[in-house]
PDB file of N, CA and C in Angstrom:
ATOM      1  N   UNK A   1      45.926 -20.723  34.399  1.00  0.00           N
ATOM      2  CA  UNK A   1      44.445 -21.305  34.302  1.00  0.00           C
ATOM      3  C   UNK A   1      44.705 -21.553  33.198  1.00  0.00           C
ATOM      4  N   UNK A   2      45.926 -21.211  32.127  1.00  0.00           N
ATOM      5  CA  UNK A   2      46.101 -22.568  31.357  1.00  0.00           C
ATOM      6  C   UNK A   2      47.250 -24.009  31.762  1.00  0.00           C
ATOM      7  N   UNK A   3      47.697 -23.920  32.794  1.00  0.00           N
ATOM      8  CA  UNK A   3      47.933 -25.180  33.659  1.00  0.00           C
ATOM      9  C   UNK A   3      47.075 -25.648  34.617  1.00  0.00           C
ATOM     10  N   UNK A   4      46.133 -25.132  34.546  1.00  0.00           N
ATOM     11  CA  UNK A   4      44.869 -26.074  35.180  1.00  0.00           C
ATOM     12  C   UNK A   4      43.900 -25.888  34.439  1.00  0.00           C
ATOM     13  N   UNK A   5      44.072 -26.154  33.297  1.00  0.00           N
ATOM     14  CA  UNK A   5      43.180 -26.383  31.941  1.00  0.00           C
ATOM     15  C   UNK A   5      44.317 -27.758  31.893  1.00  0.00           C
ATOM     16  N   UNK A   6      45.686 -28.437  32.150  1.00  0.00           N
ATOM     17  CA  UNK A   6      46.494 -29.093  31.708  1.00  0.00           C
ATOM     18  C   UNK A   6      46.486 -29.966  32.604  1.00  0.00           C
ATOM     19  N   UNK A   7      46.731 -30.028  33.714  1.00  0.00           N
ATOM     20  CA  UNK A   7      46.509 -30.705  34.580  1.00  0.00           C
ATOM     21  C   UNK A   7      45.854 -31.653  35.115  1.00  0.00           C
ATOM     22  N   UNK A   8      45.564 -32.957  34.858  1.00  0.00           N
ATOM     23  CA  UNK A   8      45.171 -34.173  34.086  1.00  0.00           C
ATOM     24  C   UNK A   8      44.383 -34.106  35.633  1.00  0.00           C
ATOM     25  N   UNK A   9      45.328 -34.142  37.131  1.00  0.00           N
ATOM     26  CA  UNK A   9      44.265 -35.072  38.175  1.00  0.00           C
ATOM     27  C   UNK A   9      43.056 -33.735  38.847  1.00  0.00           C
ATOM     28  N   UNK A  10      43.096 -32.816  38.132  1.00  0.00           N
ATOM     29  CA  UNK A  10      42.742 -31.486  38.885  1.00  0.00           C
ATOM     30  C   UNK A  10      40.721 -31.425  37.627  1.00  0.00           C
ATOM     31  N   UNK A  11      41.359 -32.831  36.722  1.00  0.00           N
ATOM     32  CA  UNK A  11      39.955 -31.795  35.993  1.00  0.00           C
ATOM     33  C   UNK A  11      38.969 -33.501  35.411  1.00  0.00           C
ATOM     34  N   UNK A  12      39.759 -34.380  36.528  1.00  0.00           N
ATOM     35  CA  UNK A  12      38.714 -35.298  36.246  1.00  0.00           C
ATOM     36  C   UNK A  12      38.019 -35.749  37.023  1.00  0.00           C
ATOM     37  N   UNK A  13      37.651 -34.716  38.311  1.00  0.00           N
ATOM     38  CA  UNK A  13      36.388 -35.611  39.618  1.00  0.00           C
ATOM     39  C   UNK A  13      35.807 -34.153  39.170  1.00  0.00           C
ATOM     40  N   UNK A  14      35.855 -33.182  37.315  1.00  0.00           N
ATOM     41  CA  UNK A  14      34.178 -32.428  37.183  1.00  0.00           C
ATOM     42  C   UNK A  14      33.368 -33.444  37.427  1.00  0.00           C
ATOM     43  N   UNK A  15      32.612 -32.774  38.364  1.00  0.00           N
ATOM     44  CA  UNK A  15      31.386 -33.371  37.637  1.00  0.00           C
ATOM     45  C   UNK A  15      30.461 -33.501  36.870  1.00  0.00           C
ATOM     46  N   UNK A  16      29.698 -34.340  36.317  1.00  0.00           N
ATOM     47  CA  UNK A  16      29.320 -33.995  34.822  1.00  0.00           C
ATOM     48  C   UNK A  16      28.347 -33.041  34.198  1.00  0.00           C
ATOM     49  N   UNK A  17      27.261 -32.717  35.030  1.00  0.00           N
ATOM     50  CA  UNK A  17      26.943 -31.126  35.183  1.00  0.00           C
ATOM     51  C   UNK A  17      27.607 -30.575  34.947  1.00  0.00           C
ATOM     52  N   UNK A  18      28.949 -29.619  35.230  1.00  0.00           N
ATOM     53  CA  UNK A  18      29.677 -29.093  34.899  1.00  0.00           C
ATOM     54  C   UNK A  18      30.735 -29.429  33.917  1.00  0.00           C
ATOM     55  N   UNK A  19      30.296 -30.379  34.015  1.00  0.00           N
ATOM     56  CA  UNK A  19      31.017 -30.193  32.289  1.00  0.00           C
ATOM     57  C   UNK A  19      29.775 -30.420  31.095  1.00  0.00           C
ATOM     58  N   UNK A  20      28.721 -31.073  31.570  1.00  0.00           N
ATOM     59  CA  UNK A  20      28.028 -30.556  30.176  1.00  0.00           C
ATOM     60  C   UNK A  20      27.340 -28.758  30.964  1.00  0.00           C
ATOM     61  N   UNK A  21      27.207 -28.054  31.586  1.00  0.00           N
ATOM     62  CA  UNK A  21      27.612 -26.641  31.746  1.00  0.00           C
ATOM     63  C   UNK A  21      28.515 -26.428  30.784  1.00  0.00           C
ATOM     64  N   UNK A  22      29.759 -26.633  31.167  1.00  0.00           N
ATOM     65  CA  UNK A  22      30.691 -25.857  30.230  1.00  0.00           C
ATOM     66  C   UNK A  22      30.825 -26.194  28.554  1.00  0.00           C
ATOM     67  N   UNK A  23      30.214 -27.605  28.142  1.00  0.00           N
ATOM     68  CA  UNK A  23      29.952 -27.779  26.572  1.00  0.00           C
ATOM     69  C   UNK A  23      28.351 -26.831  26.394  1.00  0.00           C
ATOM     70  N   UNK A  24      27.969 -27.467  26.959  1.00  0.00           N
ATOM     71  CA  UNK A  24      26.479 -26.642  25.918  1.00  0.00           C
ATOM     72  C   UNK A  24      25.248 -26.108  26.634  1.00  0.00           C
ATOM     73  N   UNK A  25      26.282 -25.641  27.573  1.00  0.00           N
ATOM     74  CA  UNK A  25      25.954 -24.152  28.773  1.00  0.00           C
ATOM     75  C   UNK A  25      24.488 -25.115  29.096  1.00  0.00           C
ATOM     76  N   UNK A  26      23.405 -24.761  28.708  1.00  0.00           N
ATOM     77  CA  UNK A  26      22.486 -24.305  29.288  1.00  0.00           C
ATOM     78  C   UNK A  26      21.289 -24.803  28.766  1.00  0.00           C
ATOM     79  N   UNK A  27      22.155 -25.738  26.882  1.00  0.00           N
ATOM     80  CA  UNK A  27      20.795 -26.036  25.769  1.00  0.00           C
ATOM     81  C   UNK A  27      20.292 -27.051  26.085  1.00  0.00           C
ATOM     82  N   UNK A  28      21.259 -28.333  27.170  1.00  0.00           N
ATOM     83  CA  UNK A  28      20.633 -29.552  27.009  1.00  0.00           C
ATOM     84  C   UNK A  28      18.987 -29.509  28.076  1.00  0.00           C
ATOM     85  N   UNK A  29      18.956 -28.748  28.461  1.00  0.00           N
ATOM     86  CA  UNK A  29      18.214 -28.480  30.017  1.00  0.00           C
ATOM     87  C   UNK A  29      17.044 -27.375  29.494  1.00  0.00           C
ATOM     88  N   UNK A  30      17.817 -26.662  28.588  1.00  0.00           N
ATOM     89  CA  UNK A  30      16.171 -25.817  28.068  1.00  0.00           C
ATOM     90  C   UNK A  30      15.511 -26.719  27.217  1.00  0.00           C
ATOM     91  N   UNK A  31      16.729 -27.918  27.177  1.00  0.00           N
ATOM     92  CA  UNK A  31      15.651 -28.815  25.656  1.00  0.00           C
ATOM     93  C   UNK A  31      15.059 -29.450  26.470  1.00  0.00           C
ATOM     94  N   UNK A  32      14.833 -30.314  27.662  1.00  0.00           N
ATOM     95  CA  UNK A  32      14.432 -30.719  28.498  1.00  0.00           C
ATOM     96  C   UNK A  32      13.384 -30.678  28.646  1.00  0.00           C
ATOM     97  N   UNK A  33      13.528 -29.488  29.355  1.00  0.00           N
ATOM     98  CA  UNK A  33      12.201 -28.671  29.788  1.00  0.00           C
ATOM     99  C   UNK A  33      11.280 -27.922  28.862  1.00  0.00           C
ATOM    100  N   UNK A  34      11.326 -28.569  27.230  1.00  0.00           N
ATOM    101  CA  UNK A  34      11.681 -27.393  26.538  1.00  0.00           C
ATOM    102  C   UNK A  34       9.658 -29.067  26.258  1.00  0.00           C
ATOM    103  N   UNK A  35      10.611 -29.970  26.998  1.00  0.00           N
ATOM    104  CA  UNK A  35      10.058 -31.353  25.935  1.00  0.00           C
ATOM    105  C   UNK A  35       8.766 -31.987  27.179  1.00  0.00           C
ATOM    106  N   UNK A  36       9.061 -31.226  27.678  1.00  0.00           N
ATOM    107  CA  UNK A  36       8.677 -31.763  29.436  1.00  0.00           C
ATOM    108  C   UNK A  36       7.196 -31.324  29.024  1.00  0.00           C
ATOM    109  N   UNK A  37       7.102 -29.859  28.824  1.00  0.00           N
ATOM    110  CA  UNK A  37       6.622 -29.027  29.179  1.00  0.00           C
ATOM    111  C   UNK A  37       5.559 -29.252  27.877  1.00  0.00           C
ATOM    112  N   UNK A  38       5.621 -29.856  26.703  1.00  0.00           N
ATOM    113  CA  UNK A  38       5.137 -29.919  25.739  1.00  0.00           C
ATOM    114  C   UNK A  38       4.357 -30.893  25.265  1.00  0.00           C
ATOM    115  N   UNK A  39       5.068 -32.336  26.360  1.00  0.00           N
ATOM    116  CA  UNK A  39       4.425 -33.401  26.412  1.00  0.00           C
ATOM    117  C   UNK A  39       3.265 -33.375  27.886  1.00  0.00           C
ATOM    118  N   UNK A  40       3.007 -31.991  28.964  1.00  0.00           N
ATOM    119  CA  UNK A  40       2.627 -32.005  29.026  1.00  0.00           C
ATOM    120  C   UNK A  40       0.714 -31.080  28.914  1.00  0.00           C
ATOM    121  N   UNK A  41       0.857 -30.707  27.727  1.00  0.00           N
ATOM    122  CA  UNK A  41       0.096 -29.752  27.324  1.00  0.00           C
ATOM    123  C   UNK A  41      -0.408 -31.389  25.819  1.00  0.00           C
ATOM    124  N   UNK A  42       0.176 -30.912  25.937  1.00  0.00           N
ATOM    125  CA  UNK A  42      -0.212 -32.056  24.399  1.00  0.00           C
ATOM    126  C   UNK A  42      -0.097 -33.845  25.120  1.00  0.00           C
ATOM    127  N   UNK A  43      -0.176 -34.345  26.134  1.00  0.00           N
ATOM    128  CA  UNK A  43      -0.894 -36.019  26.425  1.00  0.00           C
ATOM    129  C   UNK A  43      -1.208 -36.346  25.569  1.00  0.00           C
ATOM    130  N   UNK A  44      -2.079 -36.090  24.181  1.00  0.00           N
ATOM    131  CA  UNK A  44      -2.480 -37.469  23.752  1.00  0.00           C
ATOM    132  C   UNK A  44      -1.670 -36.762  22.358  1.00  0.00           C
ATOM    133  N   UNK A  45      -1.053 -36.734  22.585  1.00  0.00           N
ATOM    134  CA  UNK A  45       0.424 -36.963  21.022  1.00  0.00           C
ATOM    135  C   UNK A  45       1.442 -37.979  21.470  1.00  0.00           C
ATOM    136  N   UNK A  46       1.374 -39.459  20.924  1.00  0.00           N
ATOM    137  CA  UNK A  46       2.179 -40.179  21.681  1.00  0.00           C
ATOM    138  C   UNK A  46       3.382 -40.693  20.900  1.00  0.00           C
ATOM    139  N   UNK A  47       4.089 -39.280  20.275  1.00  0.00           N
ATOM    140  CA  UNK A  47       5.790 -39.309  20.289  1.00  0.00           C
ATOM    141  C   UNK A  47       5.887 -38.880  20.685  1.00  0.00           C
ATOM    142  N   UNK A  48       5.554 -38.105  21.233  1.00  0.00           N
ATOM    143  CA  UNK A  48       6.004 -37.613  22.348  1.00  0.00           C
ATOM    144  C   UNK A  48       6.674 -38.152  23.255  1.00  0.00           C
ATOM    145  N   UNK A  49       5.207 -39.669  23.919  1.00  0.00           N
ATOM    146  CA  UNK A  49       6.339 -39.977  24.270  1.00  0.00           C
ATOM    147  C   UNK A  49       6.846 -41.016  24.571  1.00  0.00           C
ATOM    148  N   UNK A  50       7.280 -41.022  23.527  1.00  0.00           N
ATOM    149  CA  UNK A  50       7.656 -42.791  23.474  1.00  0.00           C
ATOM    150  C   UNK A  50       9.545 -41.889  23.873  1.00  0.00           C
ATOM    151  N   UNK A  51      10.619 -43.233  24.170  1.00  0.00           N
ATOM    152  CA  UNK A  51      11.951 -42.539  23.374  1.00  0.00           C
ATOM    153  C   UNK A  51      12.596 -42.115  22.670  1.00  0.00           C
ATOM    154  N   UNK A  52      11.823 -43.280  21.221  1.00  0.00           N
ATOM    155  CA  UNK A  52      12.729 -41.772  19.631  1.00  0.00           C
ATOM    156  C   UNK A  52      12.009 -40.545  19.467  1.00  0.00           C
ATOM    157  N   UNK A  53      10.484 -39.944  19.750  1.00  0.00           N
ATOM    158  CA  UNK A  53      10.057 -39.141  19.789  1.00  0.00           C
ATOM    159  C   UNK A  53      10.640 -38.150  20.931  1.00  0.00           C
ATOM    160  N   UNK A  54      11.149 -38.467  22.612  1.00  0.00           N
ATOM    161  CA  UNK A  54      11.219 -37.353  22.607  1.00  0.00           C
ATOM    162  C   UNK A  54      13.513 -37.127  22.378  1.00  0.00           C
ATOM    163  N   UNK A  55      13.706 -38.541  21.669  1.00  0.00           N
ATOM    164  CA  UNK A  55      15.070 -37.419  21.466  1.00  0.00           C
ATOM    165  C   UNK A  55      15.050 -37.154  20.149  1.00  0.00           C
ATOM    166  N   UNK A  56      13.900 -37.099  19.226  1.00  0.00           N
ATOM    167  CA  UNK A  56      13.472 -36.393  18.081  1.00  0.00           C
ATOM    168  C   UNK A  56      13.480 -34.870  18.441  1.00  0.00           C
ATOM    169  N   UNK A  57      11.980 -35.158  19.591  1.00  0.00           N
ATOM    170  CA  UNK A  57      12.308 -33.478  19.795  1.00  0.00           C
ATOM    171  C   UNK A  57      13.716 -32.600  20.771  1.00  0.00           C
ATOM    172  N   UNK A  58      14.279 -33.502  21.858  1.00  0.00           N
ATOM    173  CA  UNK A  58      15.323 -32.905  22.075  1.00  0.00           C
ATOM    174  C   UNK A  58      15.726 -32.054  21.226  1.00  0.00           C
ATOM    175  N   UNK A  59      16.171 -33.854  20.254  1.00  0.00           N
ATOM    176  CA  UNK A  59      18.046 -32.751  18.783  1.00  0.00           C
ATOM    177  C   UNK A  59      17.632 -31.941  17.789  1.00  0.00           C
ATOM    178  N   UNK A  60      16.055 -31.587  17.690  1.00  0.00           N
ATOM    179  CA  UNK A  60      16.130 -31.002  16.720  1.00  0.00           C
ATOM    180  C   UNK A  60      15.934 -29.650  17.585  1.00  0.00           C
ATOM    181  N   UNK A  61      15.204 -29.208  19.190  1.00  0.00           N
ATOM    182  CA  UNK A  61      15.037 -27.704  20.079  1.00  0.00           C
ATOM    183  C   UNK A  61      16.850 -27.783  20.001  1.00  0.00           C
ATOM    184  N   UNK A  62      17.096 -28.839  19.896  1.00  0.00           N
ATOM    185  CA  UNK A  62      19.642 -28.127  19.967  1.00  0.00           C
ATOM    186  C   UNK A  62      19.301 -28.065  18.977  1.00  0.00           C
ATOM    187  N   UNK A  63      19.482 -28.115  17.277  1.00  0.00           N
ATOM    188  CA  UNK A  63      19.753 -27.905  16.258  1.00  0.00           C
ATOM    189  C   UNK A  63      18.949 -26.158  15.441  1.00  0.00           C
ATOM    190  N   UNK A  64      17.795 -26.289  16.689  1.00  0.00           N
ATOM    191  CA  UNK A  64      17.445 -24.902  16.344  1.00  0.00           C
ATOM    192  C   UNK A  64      17.715 -23.134  16.932  1.00  0.00           C
ATOM    193  N   UNK A  65      18.073 -24.625  17.871  1.00  0.00           N
ATOM    194  CA  UNK A  65      19.155 -22.923  19.458  1.00  0.00           C
ATOM    195  C   UNK A  65      20.005 -22.697  19.278  1.00  0.00           C
ATOM    196  N   UNK A  66      20.797 -23.803  19.018  1.00  0.00           N
ATOM    197  CA  UNK A  66      22.836 -23.021  18.855  1.00  0.00           C
ATOM    198  C   UNK A  66      23.406 -22.034  18.739  1.00  0.00           C
ATOM    199  N   UNK A  67      24.084 -22.165  19.931  1.00  0.00           N
ATOM    200  CA  UNK A  67      24.510 -20.348  19.763  1.00  0.00           C
ATOM    201  C   UNK A  67      25.449 -19.983  18.104  1.00  0.00           C
ATOM    202  N   UNK A  68      25.212 -18.762  18.378  1.00  0.00           N
ATOM    203  CA  UNK A  68      26.243 -18.188  16.850  1.00  0.00           C
ATOM    204  C   UNK A  68      27.400 -18.883  16.570  1.00  0.00           C
ATOM    205  N   UNK A  69      27.546 -18.804  15.244  1.00  0.00           N
ATOM    206  CA  UNK A  69      28.753 -19.877  15.199  1.00  0.00           C
ATOM    207  C   UNK A  69      28.698 -20.930  15.419  1.00  0.00           C
ATOM    208  N   UNK A  70      28.064 -21.999  15.447  1.00  0.00           N
ATOM    209  CA  UNK A  70      28.277 -22.919  15.387  1.00  0.00           C
ATOM    210  C   UNK A  70      27.280 -24.359  14.443  1.00  0.00           C
TER     211      UNK A  70
END
């Protein structure tokens, strides 16, 4: 297993989705899902509809839901 991790040729074709899943588990997907859900419920909340507001929401979600030990 260590050999396959260290081989550069083997890892260079790893799909982005797998990289994120290995790095962040499903936190990013959960954060985006929570954002979309909140946006659909609070259509009048203009801050959630902007790029900055969306980024703030996702980053706060990630901070609040970090795995144990992070």
